[in-house]
Amino acid sequence: MNIEEVREFCLSLPGVTEDSPYGPDMIVFRIEGKIFLHLPLEYADPRISIKLPPEEGVELRERYSAIRAAFHLNKTHWNEVLIEHTFPREQLEAWIVESYQIVFNKLPKRLRDKYQP
């Protein structure tokens, strides 16, 4: 996947918005105002920062050199994934959806209900 494909995929998820609150070198994707993906634009190697459960992040970082711990903030574990690595597109999409789902599941029920089919 490239940056534009990541952007299009994120925006295809229900209720997702994008903005650049940290300046023009970073796009963030949100659901109901909560960030689920960072897309920094200043790196030569395109990457995304996604939320994953801590134990899954550790396992993936041990398995793939193209996944790194990005930062830990307020009990949130972010992982940096180099998007042009040899991951199958389906795998990258699954990680993006998992990050989205982590945030979505923490929304109040009344907000989650508006995105159910």
PDB file of N, CA and C in Angstrom:
ATOM      1  N   MET A   1       0.850  -1.184   0.000  1.00  0.00           N
ATOM      2  CA  MET A   1       0.000   0.000   0.000  1.00  0.00           C
ATOM      3  C   MET A   1       0.890   1.239   0.000  1.00  0.00           C
ATOM      4  N   ASN A   2       0.385   2.283  -0.609  1.00  0.00           N
ATOM      5  CA  ASN A   2       1.078   3.555  -0.523  1.00  0.00           C
ATOM      6  C   ASN A   2       0.239   4.517   0.327  1.00  0.00           C
ATOM      7  N   ILE A   3       0.735   5.712   0.509  1.00  0.00           N
ATOM      8  CA  ILE A   3       0.063   6.677   1.394  1.00  0.00           C
ATOM      9  C   ILE A   3      -1.364   6.964   0.937  1.00  0.00           C
ATOM     10  N   GLU A   4      -1.564   7.171  -0.351  1.00  0.00           N
ATOM     11  CA  GLU A   4      -2.908   7.493  -0.842  1.00  0.00           C
ATOM     12  C   GLU A   4      -3.867   6.312  -0.662  1.00  0.00           C
ATOM     13  N   GLU A   5      -3.378   5.091  -0.838  1.00  0.00           N
ATOM     14  CA  GLU A   5      -4.218   3.909  -0.629  1.00  0.00           C
ATOM     15  C   GLU A   5      -4.606   3.772   0.847  1.00  0.00           C
ATOM     16  N   VAL A   6      -3.667   4.054   1.741  1.00  0.00           N
ATOM     17  CA  VAL A   6      -3.973   4.025   3.180  1.00  0.00           C
ATOM     18  C   VAL A   6      -5.042   5.068   3.476  1.00  0.00           C
ATOM     19  N   ARG A   7      -4.859   6.258   2.948  1.00  0.00           N
ATOM     20  CA  ARG A   7      -5.820   7.348   3.169  1.00  0.00           C
ATOM     21  C   ARG A   7      -7.215   6.950   2.680  1.00  0.00           C
ATOM     22  N   GLU A   8      -7.302   6.446   1.455  1.00  0.00           N
ATOM     23  CA  GLU A   8      -8.600   6.040   0.907  1.00  0.00           C
ATOM     24  C   GLU A   8      -9.238   4.936   1.731  1.00  0.00           C
ATOM     25  N   PHE A   9      -8.434   3.970   2.166  1.00  0.00           N
ATOM     26  CA  PHE A   9      -8.981   2.868   2.959  1.00  0.00           C
ATOM     27  C   PHE A   9      -9.522   3.387   4.285  1.00  0.00           C
ATOM     28  N   CYS A  10      -8.749   4.233   4.954  1.00  0.00           N
ATOM     29  CA  CYS A  10      -9.206   4.777   6.240  1.00  0.00           C
ATOM     30  C   CYS A  10     -10.516   5.527   6.072  1.00  0.00           C
ATOM     31  N   LEU A  11     -10.612   6.362   5.043  1.00  0.00           N
ATOM     32  CA  LEU A  11     -11.818   7.153   4.828  1.00  0.00           C
ATOM     33  C   LEU A  11     -13.016   6.310   4.410  1.00  0.00           C
ATOM     34  N   SER A  12     -12.761   5.065   3.993  1.00  0.00           N
ATOM     35  CA  SER A  12     -13.866   4.174   3.634  1.00  0.00           C
ATOM     36  C   SER A  12     -14.532   3.546   4.858  1.00  0.00           C
ATOM     37  N   LEU A  13     -13.876   3.632   6.019  1.00  0.00           N
ATOM     38  CA  LEU A  13     -14.442   3.066   7.243  1.00  0.00           C
ATOM     39  C   LEU A  13     -15.540   3.983   7.779  1.00  0.00           C
ATOM     40  N   PRO A  14     -16.582   3.435   8.391  1.00  0.00           N
ATOM     41  CA  PRO A  14     -17.718   4.245   8.858  1.00  0.00           C
ATOM     42  C   PRO A  14     -17.328   5.343   9.845  1.00  0.00           C
ATOM     43  N   GLY A  15     -17.755   6.565   9.551  1.00  0.00           N
ATOM     44  CA  GLY A  15     -17.603   7.680  10.473  1.00  0.00           C
ATOM     45  C   GLY A  15     -16.219   8.282  10.565  1.00  0.00           C
ATOM     46  N   VAL A  16     -15.313   7.913   9.671  1.00  0.00           N
ATOM     47  CA  VAL A  16     -13.932   8.379   9.769  1.00  0.00           C
ATOM     48  C   VAL A  16     -13.777   9.770   9.157  1.00  0.00           C
ATOM     49  N   THR A  17     -13.026  10.601   9.877  1.00  0.00           N
ATOM     50  CA  THR A  17     -12.641  11.920   9.377  1.00  0.00           C
ATOM     51  C   THR A  17     -11.119  12.016   9.448  1.00  0.00           C
ATOM     52  N   GLU A  18     -10.577  12.963   8.702  1.00  0.00           N
ATOM     53  CA  GLU A  18      -9.134  13.197   8.752  1.00  0.00           C
ATOM     54  C   GLU A  18      -8.869  14.665   9.018  1.00  0.00           C
ATOM     55  N   ASP A  19      -7.736  14.931   9.645  1.00  0.00           N
ATOM     56  CA  ASP A  19      -7.292  16.310   9.781  1.00  0.00           C
ATOM     57  C   ASP A  19      -5.793  16.320  10.030  1.00  0.00           C
ATOM     58  N   SER A  20      -5.238  17.510  10.122  1.00  0.00           N
ATOM     59  CA  SER A  20      -3.804  17.689  10.349  1.00  0.00           C
ATOM     60  C   SER A  20      -3.591  18.597  11.555  1.00  0.00           C
ATOM     61  N   PRO A  21      -3.903  18.115  12.758  1.00  0.00           N
ATOM     62  CA  PRO A  21      -3.812  18.976  13.944  1.00  0.00           C
ATOM     63  C   PRO A  21      -2.389  19.333  14.347  1.00  0.00           C
ATOM     64  N   TYR A  22      -1.417  18.565  13.879  1.00  0.00           N
ATOM     65  CA  TYR A  22      -0.024  18.795  14.268  1.00  0.00           C
ATOM     66  C   TYR A  22       0.765  19.494  13.177  1.00  0.00           C
ATOM     67  N   GLY A  23       0.102  19.929  12.108  1.00  0.00           N
ATOM     68  CA  GLY A  23       0.781  20.595  11.002  1.00  0.00           C
ATOM     69  C   GLY A  23       0.679  19.783   9.724  1.00  0.00           C
ATOM     70  N   PRO A  24       1.216  20.306   8.644  1.00  0.00           N
ATOM     71  CA  PRO A  24       1.033  19.678   7.335  1.00  0.00           C
ATOM     72  C   PRO A  24       1.790  18.369   7.133  1.00  0.00           C
ATOM     73  N   ASP A  25       2.686  18.024   8.052  1.00  0.00           N
ATOM     74  CA  ASP A  25       3.463  16.788   7.897  1.00  0.00           C
ATOM     75  C   ASP A  25       2.826  15.578   8.553  1.00  0.00           C
ATOM     76  N   MET A  26       1.608  15.721   9.078  1.00  0.00           N
ATOM     77  CA  MET A  26       0.948  14.599   9.766  1.00  0.00           C
ATOM     78  C   MET A  26      -0.555  14.650   9.520  1.00  0.00           C
ATOM     79  N   ILE A  27      -1.093  13.526   9.058  1.00  0.00           N
ATOM     80  CA  ILE A  27      -2.539  13.377   8.935  1.00  0.00           C
ATOM     81  C   ILE A  27      -2.962  12.393  10.016  1.00  0.00           C
ATOM     82  N   VAL A  28      -4.056  12.690  10.693  1.00  0.00           N
ATOM     83  CA  VAL A  28      -4.609  11.727  11.641  1.00  0.00           C
ATOM     84  C   VAL A  28      -6.020  11.372  11.191  1.00  0.00           C
ATOM     85  N   PHE A  29      -6.397  10.153  11.476  1.00  0.00           N
ATOM     86  CA  PHE A  29      -7.738   9.666  11.150  1.00  0.00           C
ATOM     87  C   PHE A  29      -8.449   9.387  12.456  1.00  0.00           C
ATOM     88  N   ARG A  30      -9.704   9.825  12.510  1.00  0.00           N
ATOM     89  CA  ARG A  30     -10.477   9.753  13.751  1.00  0.00           C
ATOM     90  C   ARG A  30     -11.844   9.117  13.509  1.00  0.00           C
ATOM     91  N   ILE A  31     -12.366   8.573  14.588  1.00  0.00           N
ATOM     92  CA  ILE A  31     -13.764   8.162  14.652  1.00  0.00           C
ATOM     93  C   ILE A  31     -14.329   8.890  15.862  1.00  0.00           C
ATOM     94  N   GLU A  32     -15.343   9.708  15.639  1.00  0.00           N
ATOM     95  CA  GLU A  32     -15.956  10.519  16.700  1.00  0.00           C
ATOM     96  C   GLU A  32     -14.906  11.303  17.492  1.00  0.00           C
ATOM     97  N   GLY A  33     -13.939  11.846  16.793  1.00  0.00           N
ATOM     98  CA  GLY A  33     -12.925  12.688  17.421  1.00  0.00           C
ATOM     99  C   GLY A  33     -11.749  11.944  18.035  1.00  0.00           C
ATOM    100  N   LYS A  34     -11.817  10.621  18.097  1.00  0.00           N
ATOM    101  CA  LYS A  34     -10.756   9.813  18.704  1.00  0.00           C
ATOM    102  C   LYS A  34      -9.820   9.279  17.623  1.00  0.00           C
ATOM    103  N   ILE A  35      -8.535   9.503  17.792  1.00  0.00           N
ATOM    104  CA  ILE A  35      -7.548   9.098  16.788  1.00  0.00           C
ATOM    105  C   ILE A  35      -7.321   7.589  16.822  1.00  0.00           C
ATOM    106  N   PHE A  36      -7.359   6.971  15.627  1.00  0.00           N
ATOM    107  CA  PHE A  36      -7.009   5.552  15.536  1.00  0.00           C
ATOM    108  C   PHE A  36      -5.816   5.309  14.622  1.00  0.00           C
ATOM    109  N   LEU A  37      -5.367   6.329  13.864  1.00  0.00           N
ATOM    110  CA  LEU A  37      -4.227   6.140  12.975  1.00  0.00           C
ATOM    111  C   LEU A  37      -3.541   7.473  12.726  1.00  0.00           C
ATOM    112  N   HIS A  38      -2.205   7.462  12.818  1.00  0.00           N
ATOM    113  CA  HIS A  38      -1.366   8.607  12.460  1.00  0.00           C
ATOM    114  C   HIS A  38      -0.691   8.271  11.134  1.00  0.00           C
ATOM    115  N   LEU A  39      -0.643   9.232  10.243  1.00  0.00           N
ATOM    116  CA  LEU A  39       0.037   9.044   8.961  1.00  0.00           C
ATOM    117  C   LEU A  39       1.026  10.201   8.777  1.00  0.00           C
ATOM    118  N   PRO A  40       2.276  10.014   9.245  1.00  0.00           N
ATOM    119  CA  PRO A  40       3.261  11.070   9.068  1.00  0.00           C
ATOM    120  C   PRO A  40       3.717  11.122   7.615  1.00  0.00           C
ATOM    121  N   LEU A  41       3.880  12.315   7.091  1.00  0.00           N
ATOM    122  CA  LEU A  41       4.216  12.488   5.682  1.00  0.00           C
ATOM    123  C   LEU A  41       5.673  12.868   5.456  1.00  0.00           C
ATOM    124  N   GLU A  42       6.431  13.101   6.517  1.00  0.00           N
ATOM    125  CA  GLU A  42       7.783  13.620   6.341  1.00  0.00           C
ATOM    126  C   GLU A  42       8.853  12.544   6.161  1.00  0.00           C
ATOM    127  N   TYR A  43       8.510  11.279   6.319  1.00  0.00           N
ATOM    128  CA  TYR A  43       9.507  10.215   6.223  1.00  0.00           C
ATOM    129  C   TYR A  43       9.719   9.755   4.783  1.00  0.00           C
ATOM    130  N   ALA A  44      10.937   9.354   4.466  1.00  0.00           N
ATOM    131  CA  ALA A  44      11.220   8.790   3.143  1.00  0.00           C
ATOM    132  C   ALA A  44      10.551   7.421   2.998  1.00  0.00           C
ATOM    133  N   ASP A  45      10.516   6.658   4.100  1.00  0.00           N
ATOM    134  CA  ASP A  45       9.839   5.354   4.101  1.00  0.00           C
ATOM    135  C   ASP A  45       8.454   5.559   4.688  1.00  0.00           C
ATOM    136  N   PRO A  46       7.403   5.532   3.862  1.00  0.00           N
ATOM    137  CA  PRO A  46       6.048   5.764   4.382  1.00  0.00           C
ATOM    138  C   PRO A  46       5.693   4.781   5.493  1.00  0.00           C
ATOM    139  N   ARG A  47       5.011   5.297   6.499  1.00  0.00           N
ATOM    140  CA  ARG A  47       4.661   4.483   7.663  1.00  0.00           C
ATOM    141  C   ARG A  47       3.351   4.979   8.261  1.00  0.00           C
ATOM    142  N   ILE A  48       2.735   4.118   9.026  1.00  0.00           N
ATOM    143  CA  ILE A  48       1.548   4.488   9.786  1.00  0.00           C
ATOM    144  C   ILE A  48       1.787   4.123  11.240  1.00  0.00           C
ATOM    145  N   SER A  49       1.134   4.836  12.125  1.00  0.00           N
ATOM    146  CA  SER A  49       1.136   4.462  13.540  1.00  0.00           C
ATOM    147  C   SER A  49      -0.278   4.033  13.882  1.00  0.00           C
ATOM    148  N   ILE A  50      -0.406   2.799  14.373  1.00  0.00           N
ATOM    149  CA  ILE A  50      -1.707   2.225  14.690  1.00  0.00           C
ATOM    150  C   ILE A  50      -1.713   1.717  16.120  1.00  0.00           C
ATOM    151  N   LYS A  51      -2.926   1.596  16.664  1.00  0.00           N
ATOM    152  CA  LYS A  51      -3.090   1.026  18.001  1.00  0.00           C
ATOM    153  C   LYS A  51      -3.244  -0.487  17.848  1.00  0.00           C
ATOM    154  N   LEU A  52      -2.563  -1.208  18.712  1.00  0.00           N
ATOM    155  CA  LEU A  52      -2.738  -2.652  18.798  1.00  0.00           C
ATOM    156  C   LEU A  52      -2.690  -3.028  20.269  1.00  0.00           C
ATOM    157  N   PRO A  53      -3.347  -4.110  20.646  1.00  0.00           N
ATOM    158  CA  PRO A  53      -3.218  -4.542  22.038  1.00  0.00           C
ATOM    159  C   PRO A  53      -1.740  -4.769  22.363  1.00  0.00           C
ATOM    160  N   PRO A  54      -1.317  -4.457  23.581  1.00  0.00           N
ATOM    161  CA  PRO A  54       0.114  -4.542  23.925  1.00  0.00           C
ATOM    162  C   PRO A  54       0.753  -5.883  23.573  1.00  0.00           C
ATOM    163  N   GLU A  55       0.080  -6.983  23.911  1.00  0.00           N
ATOM    164  CA  GLU A  55       0.677  -8.295  23.657  1.00  0.00           C
ATOM    165  C   GLU A  55       0.793  -8.580  22.161  1.00  0.00           C
ATOM    166  N   GLU A  56      -0.163  -8.134  21.369  1.00  0.00           N
ATOM    167  CA  GLU A  56      -0.087  -8.341  19.929  1.00  0.00           C
ATOM    168  C   GLU A  56       1.023  -7.489  19.321  1.00  0.00           C
ATOM    169  N   GLY A  57       1.156  -6.257  19.803  1.00  0.00           N
ATOM    170  CA  GLY A  57       2.222  -5.384  19.310  1.00  0.00           C
ATOM    171  C   GLY A  57       3.596  -5.987  19.553  1.00  0.00           C
ATOM    172  N   VAL A  58       3.811  -6.530  20.755  1.00  0.00           N
ATOM    173  CA  VAL A  58       5.099  -7.143  21.084  1.00  0.00           C
ATOM    174  C   VAL A  58       5.367  -8.317  20.150  1.00  0.00           C
ATOM    175  N   GLU A  59       4.371  -9.161  19.960  1.00  0.00           N
ATOM    176  CA  GLU A  59       4.531 -10.332  19.093  1.00  0.00           C
ATOM    177  C   GLU A  59       4.863  -9.922  17.659  1.00  0.00           C
ATOM    178  N   LEU A  60       4.162  -8.924  17.148  1.00  0.00           N
ATOM    179  CA  LEU A  60       4.411  -8.485  15.771  1.00  0.00           C
ATOM    180  C   LEU A  60       5.779  -7.824  15.626  1.00  0.00           C
ATOM    181  N   ARG A  61       6.200  -7.059  16.618  1.00  0.00           N
ATOM    182  CA  ARG A  61       7.518  -6.423  16.552  1.00  0.00           C
ATOM    183  C   ARG A  61       8.628  -7.469  16.576  1.00  0.00           C
ATOM    184  N   GLU A  62       8.396  -8.573  17.278  1.00  0.00           N
ATOM    185  CA  GLU A  62       9.385  -9.652  17.298  1.00  0.00           C
ATOM    186  C   GLU A  62       9.430 -10.378  15.955  1.00  0.00           C
ATOM    187  N   ARG A  63       8.301 -10.460  15.277  1.00  0.00           N
ATOM    188  CA  ARG A  63       8.207 -11.198  14.015  1.00  0.00           C
ATOM    189  C   ARG A  63       8.646 -10.376  12.808  1.00  0.00           C
ATOM    190  N   TYR A  64       8.357  -9.070  12.797  1.00  0.00           N
ATOM    191  CA  TYR A  64       8.624  -8.230  11.629  1.00  0.00           C
ATOM    192  C   TYR A  64       9.523  -7.058  11.993  1.00  0.00           C
ATOM    193  N   SER A  65      10.603  -6.903  11.257  1.00  0.00           N
ATOM    194  CA  SER A  65      11.485  -5.760  11.505  1.00  0.00           C
ATOM    195  C   SER A  65      10.849  -4.450  11.033  1.00  0.00           C
ATOM    196  N   ALA A  66       9.815  -4.529  10.209  1.00  0.00           N
ATOM    197  CA  ALA A  66       9.153  -3.325   9.685  1.00  0.00           C
ATOM    198  C   ALA A  66       8.046  -2.820  10.610  1.00  0.00           C
ATOM    199  N   ILE A  67       7.951  -3.396  11.806  1.00  0.00           N
ATOM    200  CA  ILE A  67       7.014  -2.901  12.824  1.00  0.00           C
ATOM    201  C   ILE A  67       7.834  -2.531  14.042  1.00  0.00           C
ATOM    202  N   ARG A  68       7.617  -1.319  14.518  1.00  0.00           N
ATOM    203  CA  ARG A  68       8.377  -0.823  15.671  1.00  0.00           C
ATOM    204  C   ARG A  68       7.425  -0.212  16.686  1.00  0.00           C
ATOM    205  N   ALA A  69       7.858  -0.190  17.917  1.00  0.00           N
ATOM    206  CA  ALA A  69       7.087   0.526  18.925  1.00  0.00           C
ATOM    207  C   ALA A  69       7.217   2.011  18.617  1.00  0.00           C
ATOM    208  N   ALA A  70       6.096   2.705  18.542  1.00  0.00           N
ATOM    209  CA  ALA A  70       6.139   4.131  18.227  1.00  0.00           C
ATOM    210  C   ALA A  70       6.119   4.939  19.513  1.00  0.00           C
ATOM    211  N   PHE A  71       5.076   4.799  20.295  1.00  0.00           N
ATOM    212  CA  PHE A  71       5.018   5.499  21.570  1.00  0.00           C
ATOM    213  C   PHE A  71       3.914   4.927  22.427  1.00  0.00           C
ATOM    214  N   HIS A  72       3.975   5.235  23.693  1.00  0.00           N
ATOM    215  CA  HIS A  72       2.982   4.788  24.657  1.00  0.00           C
ATOM    216  C   HIS A  72       2.452   6.047  25.313  1.00  0.00           C
ATOM    217  N   LEU A  73       1.161   6.275  25.193  1.00  0.00           N
ATOM    218  CA  LEU A  73       0.573   7.506  25.713  1.00  0.00           C
ATOM    219  C   LEU A  73      -0.763   7.190  26.363  1.00  0.00           C
ATOM    220  N   ASN A  74      -0.910   7.534  27.621  1.00  0.00           N
ATOM    221  CA  ASN A  74      -2.177   7.318  28.336  1.00  0.00           C
ATOM    222  C   ASN A  74      -2.704   5.894  28.172  1.00  0.00           C
ATOM    223  N   LYS A  75      -1.835   4.936  28.421  1.00  0.00           N
ATOM    224  CA  LYS A  75      -2.196   3.516  28.326  1.00  0.00           C
ATOM    225  C   LYS A  75      -2.522   3.078  26.904  1.00  0.00           C
ATOM    226  N   THR A  76      -2.149   3.875  25.925  1.00  0.00           N
ATOM    227  CA  THR A  76      -2.362   3.521  24.532  1.00  0.00           C
ATOM    228  C   THR A  76      -1.028   3.083  23.945  1.00  0.00           C
ATOM    229  N   HIS A  77      -1.028   1.943  23.308  1.00  0.00           N
ATOM    230  CA  HIS A  77       0.188   1.395  22.727  1.00  0.00           C
ATOM    231  C   HIS A  77       0.122   1.552  21.210  1.00  0.00           C
ATOM    232  N   TRP A  78       0.966   2.420  20.680  1.00  0.00           N
ATOM    233  CA  TRP A  78       1.019   2.662  19.242  1.00  0.00           C
ATOM    234  C   TRP A  78       2.184   1.880  18.660  1.00  0.00           C
ATOM    235  N   ASN A  79       1.993   1.399  17.450  1.00  0.00           N
ATOM    236  CA  ASN A  79       3.038   0.670  16.744  1.00  0.00           C
ATOM    237  C   ASN A  79       3.208   1.295  15.373  1.00  0.00           C
ATOM    238  N   GLU A  80       4.442   1.438  14.970  1.00  0.00           N
ATOM    239  CA  GLU A  80       4.755   2.042  13.690  1.00  0.00           C
ATOM    240  C   GLU A  80       4.970   0.922  12.672  1.00  0.00           C
ATOM    241  N   VAL A  81       4.269   1.012  11.547  1.00  0.00           N
ATOM    242  CA  VAL A  81       4.339  -0.016  10.507  1.00  0.00           C
ATOM    243  C   VAL A  81       4.808   0.641   9.214  1.00  0.00           C
ATOM    244  N   LEU A  82       5.916   0.149   8.662  1.00  0.00           N
ATOM    245  CA  LEU A  82       6.381   0.640   7.371  1.00  0.00           C
ATOM    246  C   LEU A  82       5.450   0.070   6.297  1.00  0.00           C
ATOM    247  N   ILE A  83       4.694   0.933   5.620  1.00  0.00           N
ATOM    248  CA  ILE A  83       3.602   0.444   4.778  1.00  0.00           C
ATOM    249  C   ILE A  83       4.039  -0.103   3.431  1.00  0.00           C
ATOM    250  N   GLU A  84       5.238   0.222   2.979  1.00  0.00           N
ATOM    251  CA  GLU A  84       5.678  -0.307   1.694  1.00  0.00           C
ATOM    252  C   GLU A  84       6.562  -1.536   1.862  1.00  0.00           C
ATOM    253  N   HIS A  85       6.540  -2.111   3.047  1.00  0.00           N
ATOM    254  CA  HIS A  85       7.268  -3.352   3.299  1.00  0.00           C
ATOM    255  C   HIS A  85       6.531  -4.478   2.570  1.00  0.00           C
ATOM    256  N   THR A  86       6.953  -5.681   2.761  1.00  0.00           N
ATOM    257  CA  THR A  86       6.390  -6.804   2.018  1.00  0.00           C
ATOM    258  C   THR A  86       5.109  -7.374   2.622  1.00  0.00           C
ATOM    259  N   PHE A  87       4.406  -6.590   3.447  1.00  0.00           N
ATOM    260  CA  PHE A  87       3.150  -7.081   4.005  1.00  0.00           C
ATOM    261  C   PHE A  87       2.110  -7.166   2.890  1.00  0.00           C
ATOM    262  N   PRO A  88       1.318  -8.219   2.883  1.00  0.00           N
ATOM    263  CA  PRO A  88       0.190  -8.243   1.943  1.00  0.00           C
ATOM    264  C   PRO A  88      -0.781  -7.108   2.283  1.00  0.00           C
ATOM    265  N   ARG A  89      -1.398  -6.549   1.265  1.00  0.00           N
ATOM    266  CA  ARG A  89      -2.357  -5.459   1.450  1.00  0.00           C
ATOM    267  C   ARG A  89      -3.432  -5.841   2.470  1.00  0.00           C
ATOM    268  N   GLU A  90      -3.902  -7.075   2.399  1.00  0.00           N
ATOM    269  CA  GLU A  90      -4.956  -7.541   3.302  1.00  0.00           C
ATOM    270  C   GLU A  90      -4.505  -7.481   4.754  1.00  0.00           C
ATOM    271  N   GLN A  91      -3.220  -7.760   4.997  1.00  0.00           N
ATOM    272  CA  GLN A  91      -2.705  -7.717   6.363  1.00  0.00           C
ATOM    273  C   GLN A  91      -2.672  -6.287   6.886  1.00  0.00           C
ATOM    274  N   LEU A  92      -2.191  -5.352   6.070  1.00  0.00           N
ATOM    275  CA  LEU A  92      -2.174  -3.941   6.481  1.00  0.00           C
ATOM    276  C   LEU A  92      -3.594  -3.448   6.745  1.00  0.00           C
ATOM    277  N   GLU A  93      -4.520  -3.802   5.859  1.00  0.00           N
ATOM    278  CA  GLU A  93      -5.909  -3.396   6.061  1.00  0.00           C
ATOM    279  C   GLU A  93      -6.463  -3.980   7.349  1.00  0.00           C
ATOM    280  N   ALA A  94      -6.122  -5.218   7.653  1.00  0.00           N
ATOM    281  CA  ALA A  94      -6.608  -5.857   8.885  1.00  0.00           C
ATOM    282  C   ALA A  94      -6.076  -5.124  10.115  1.00  0.00           C
ATOM    283  N   TRP A  95      -4.811  -4.700  10.092  1.00  0.00           N
ATOM    284  CA  TRP A  95      -4.258  -3.958  11.229  1.00  0.00           C
ATOM    285  C   TRP A  95      -4.919  -2.598  11.368  1.00  0.00           C
ATOM    286  N   ILE A  96      -5.194  -1.947  10.252  1.00  0.00           N
ATOM    287  CA  ILE A  96      -5.881  -0.649  10.301  1.00  0.00           C
ATOM    288  C   ILE A  96      -7.273  -0.822  10.896  1.00  0.00           C
ATOM    289  N   VAL A  97      -7.985  -1.848  10.441  1.00  0.00           N
ATOM    290  CA  VAL A  97      -9.330  -2.110  10.962  1.00  0.00           C
ATOM    291  C   VAL A  97      -9.264  -2.445  12.449  1.00  0.00           C
ATOM    292  N   GLU A  98      -8.260  -3.181  12.863  1.00  0.00           N
ATOM    293  CA  GLU A  98      -8.130  -3.522  14.285  1.00  0.00           C
ATOM    294  C   GLU A  98      -7.917  -2.256  15.115  1.00  0.00           C
ATOM    295  N   SER A  99      -7.074  -1.352  14.630  1.00  0.00           N
ATOM    296  CA  SER A  99      -6.845  -0.089  15.330  1.00  0.00           C
ATOM    297  C   SER A  99      -8.145   0.716  15.402  1.00  0.00           C
ATOM    298  N   TYR A 100      -8.869   0.764  14.292  1.00  0.00           N
ATOM    299  CA  TYR A 100     -10.169   1.443  14.233  1.00  0.00           C
ATOM    300  C   TYR A 100     -11.123   0.820  15.250  1.00  0.00           C
ATOM    301  N   GLN A 101     -11.169  -0.505  15.271  1.00  0.00           N
ATOM    302  CA  GLN A 101     -12.102  -1.224  16.140  1.00  0.00           C
ATOM    303  C   GLN A 101     -11.797  -1.002  17.616  1.00  0.00           C
ATOM    304  N   ILE A 102     -10.526  -0.905  17.974  1.00  0.00           N
ATOM    305  CA  ILE A 102     -10.147  -0.638  19.365  1.00  0.00           C
ATOM    306  C   ILE A 102     -10.764   0.676  19.826  1.00  0.00           C
ATOM    307  N   VAL A 103     -10.655   1.710  18.987  1.00  0.00           N
ATOM    308  CA  VAL A 103     -11.213   3.016  19.332  1.00  0.00           C
ATOM    309  C   VAL A 103     -12.738   2.972  19.278  1.00  0.00           C
ATOM    310  N   PHE A 104     -13.293   2.369  18.247  1.00  0.00           N
ATOM    311  CA  PHE A 104     -14.742   2.274  18.070  1.00  0.00           C
ATOM    312  C   PHE A 104     -15.393   1.609  19.280  1.00  0.00           C
ATOM    313  N   ASN A 105     -14.797   0.525  19.759  1.00  0.00           N
ATOM    314  CA  ASN A 105     -15.369  -0.226  20.888  1.00  0.00           C
ATOM    315  C   ASN A 105     -15.362   0.557  22.194  1.00  0.00           C
ATOM    316  N   LYS A 106     -14.541   1.596  22.282  1.00  0.00           N
ATOM    317  CA  LYS A 106     -14.499   2.420  23.489  1.00  0.00           C
ATOM    318  C   LYS A 106     -15.478   3.586  23.440  1.00  0.00           C
ATOM    319  N   LEU A 107     -16.130   3.784  22.292  1.00  0.00           N
ATOM    320  CA  LEU A 107     -17.119   4.859  22.179  1.00  0.00           C
ATOM    321  C   LEU A 107     -18.370   4.502  22.975  1.00  0.00           C
ATOM    322  N   PRO A 108     -19.083   5.491  23.479  1.00  0.00           N
ATOM    323  CA  PRO A 108     -20.367   5.205  24.132  1.00  0.00           C
ATOM    324  C   PRO A 108     -21.312   4.491  23.160  1.00  0.00           C
ATOM    325  N   LYS A 109     -22.147   3.642  23.684  1.00  0.00           N
ATOM    326  CA  LYS A 109     -23.045   2.834  22.848  1.00  0.00           C
ATOM    327  C   LYS A 109     -23.881   3.696  21.900  1.00  0.00           C
ATOM    328  N   ARG A 110     -24.368   4.822  22.373  1.00  0.00           N
ATOM    329  CA  ARG A 110     -25.205   5.665  21.511  1.00  0.00           C
ATOM    330  C   ARG A 110     -24.447   6.137  20.269  1.00  0.00           C
ATOM    331  N   LEU A 111     -23.123   6.331  20.384  1.00  0.00           N
ATOM    332  CA  LEU A 111     -22.329   6.729  19.222  1.00  0.00           C
ATOM    333  C   LEU A 111     -22.034   5.536  18.320  1.00  0.00           C
ATOM    334  N   ARG A 112     -21.756   4.383  18.926  1.00  0.00           N
ATOM    335  CA  ARG A 112     -21.502   3.181  18.118  1.00  0.00           C
ATOM    336  C   ARG A 112     -22.723   2.803  17.308  1.00  0.00           C
ATOM    337  N   ASP A 113     -23.919   2.974  17.922  1.00  0.00           N
ATOM    338  CA  ASP A 113     -25.150   2.574  17.247  1.00  0.00           C
ATOM    339  C   ASP A 113     -25.378   3.319  15.928  1.00  0.00           C
ATOM    340  N   LYS A 114     -24.870   4.539  15.808  1.00  0.00           N
ATOM    341  CA  LYS A 114     -25.123   5.286  14.564  1.00  0.00           C
ATOM    342  C   LYS A 114     -24.352   4.707  13.383  1.00  0.00           C
ATOM    343  N   TYR A 115     -23.343   3.876  13.612  1.00  0.00           N
ATOM    344  CA  TYR A 115     -22.560   3.301  12.514  1.00  0.00           C
ATOM    345  C   TYR A 115     -22.907   1.839  12.224  1.00  0.00           C
ATOM    346  N   GLN A 116     -23.878   1.304  12.929  1.00  0.00           N
ATOM    347  CA  GLN A 116     -24.296  -0.084  12.684  1.00  0.00           C
ATOM    348  C   GLN A 116     -25.240  -0.128  11.494  1.00  0.00           C
ATOM    349  N   PRO A 117     -25.091  -1.142  10.647  1.00  0.00           N
ATOM    350  CA  PRO A 117     -26.009  -1.255   9.478  1.00  0.00           C
ATOM    351  C   PRO A 117     -27.437  -1.540   9.895  1.00  0.00           C
TER     352      PRO A 117
END
